[in-house]
Amino acid sequence: MSVSLRRTEKVVESPELARGNASEISGPIILDTYRAIADFTKTSKHEINLNTGDLVEIVEKNQNGWWFCQGESKRGWVPATYLEPLDGPDEAEDGEPNYEGELHVAIRAYRAEQDDEISLDLGETIEVIHKLLDGWWVVRKGEETGHFPSMFLQAAGKRERHEAERTTLNKPPPRRSTIRNAKSIHNKTSRRPSQDSYRRASRRYLQQKGSRLAEPGSNAKNTKSPLQEKKNHENIPEHSGSSSESEARKETPVVPPRPSAELILERCSENTCQRVSIHRAHSGSATPASTPASTPASTPASTPATHTLENTE
């Protein structure tokens, strides 16, 4: 005999109203029914006890992994890790990883207790790459990744009250892997990626992003990170070196063309002119200076006059 369970519709008083933080009662809302996979014993007056198989309705799903639930005669906070939906494994509700990452700051230090967790000190900045419903987010610190309690994180640049203060809870929920005698009604549950998978995917994403930045003609506005744009703004452009070489080549003096014999006679001294005239009279030929006129243009300007004087002597 199968039992059909469905969502219920009723007027619900939110936990904010129960604490005196709201002034109105919301209208009818549809609540999801979840099942307890193991016994849970409360540790504060704000929590409720659960037995394996208990059905509760979820009033609020807080990002820190503590959900506000209500049963037939009780209501309070329960770790999301102790609950599963009736129509499928809870992992199916988790979003996809975002390897671009969102900057967050640790507002409380935490030391890893399991191999897939990561330790952070107060004030450390990391990147959140996967937000999970159980409150244990996957974060990236350099190339290292690991689970970290989301209630100890705050988005960078925001000054909001601590989530633990708003939910009257100050401890992270237990991990699903630490629950003993967990009994699920689902034959197969979706398995979350391992930390090795997160690290490989994160490293591959960062490498691909670096390759896109290195491609010529890439759109810097769409592909470069703010830090990369800042570095490019302050550094000397890559083509500056070739420009300097071009300017250096322009500053190299150009060898002038060899002057003609007439120009030499016009600009030389009177004594030199007399010697050239005597040489012309003796040779009875054309001006000696005109003979080497076909020599390369790179010969210095002073060479023709010297050569003529040596011939006359």
Foldseek 3Di string as FASTA:
>chain_A
DDDDDDWDWDWDDAVCVVVVNDDDTDHIDTWFKKFFQAWDDDDDPQADTDHGGAIWTFPDQDLLQWTWTDDPPDIHTDGNLRIAGPPAGPQVVWDDWALVFFKKFFCAWDDDPDPQADTDHHGDIWTFGTRDSRQFTWIDDPLAIHTDRNQRIDGPPDDDDRPCVVRVHDDGDDDNVPDPNGHDPDPDHDDDDGRVVVSVVSVVVVVVLVVLVPDPPRDCVPRPDPVRVVVVVPDDDPCVVVVVVVVVVVPPDDAAFADAPVVCLVPDDPVLVVLQVVVCVVVVDDRPLRVCNVPDRNPHHVVSSVVSVVVSD
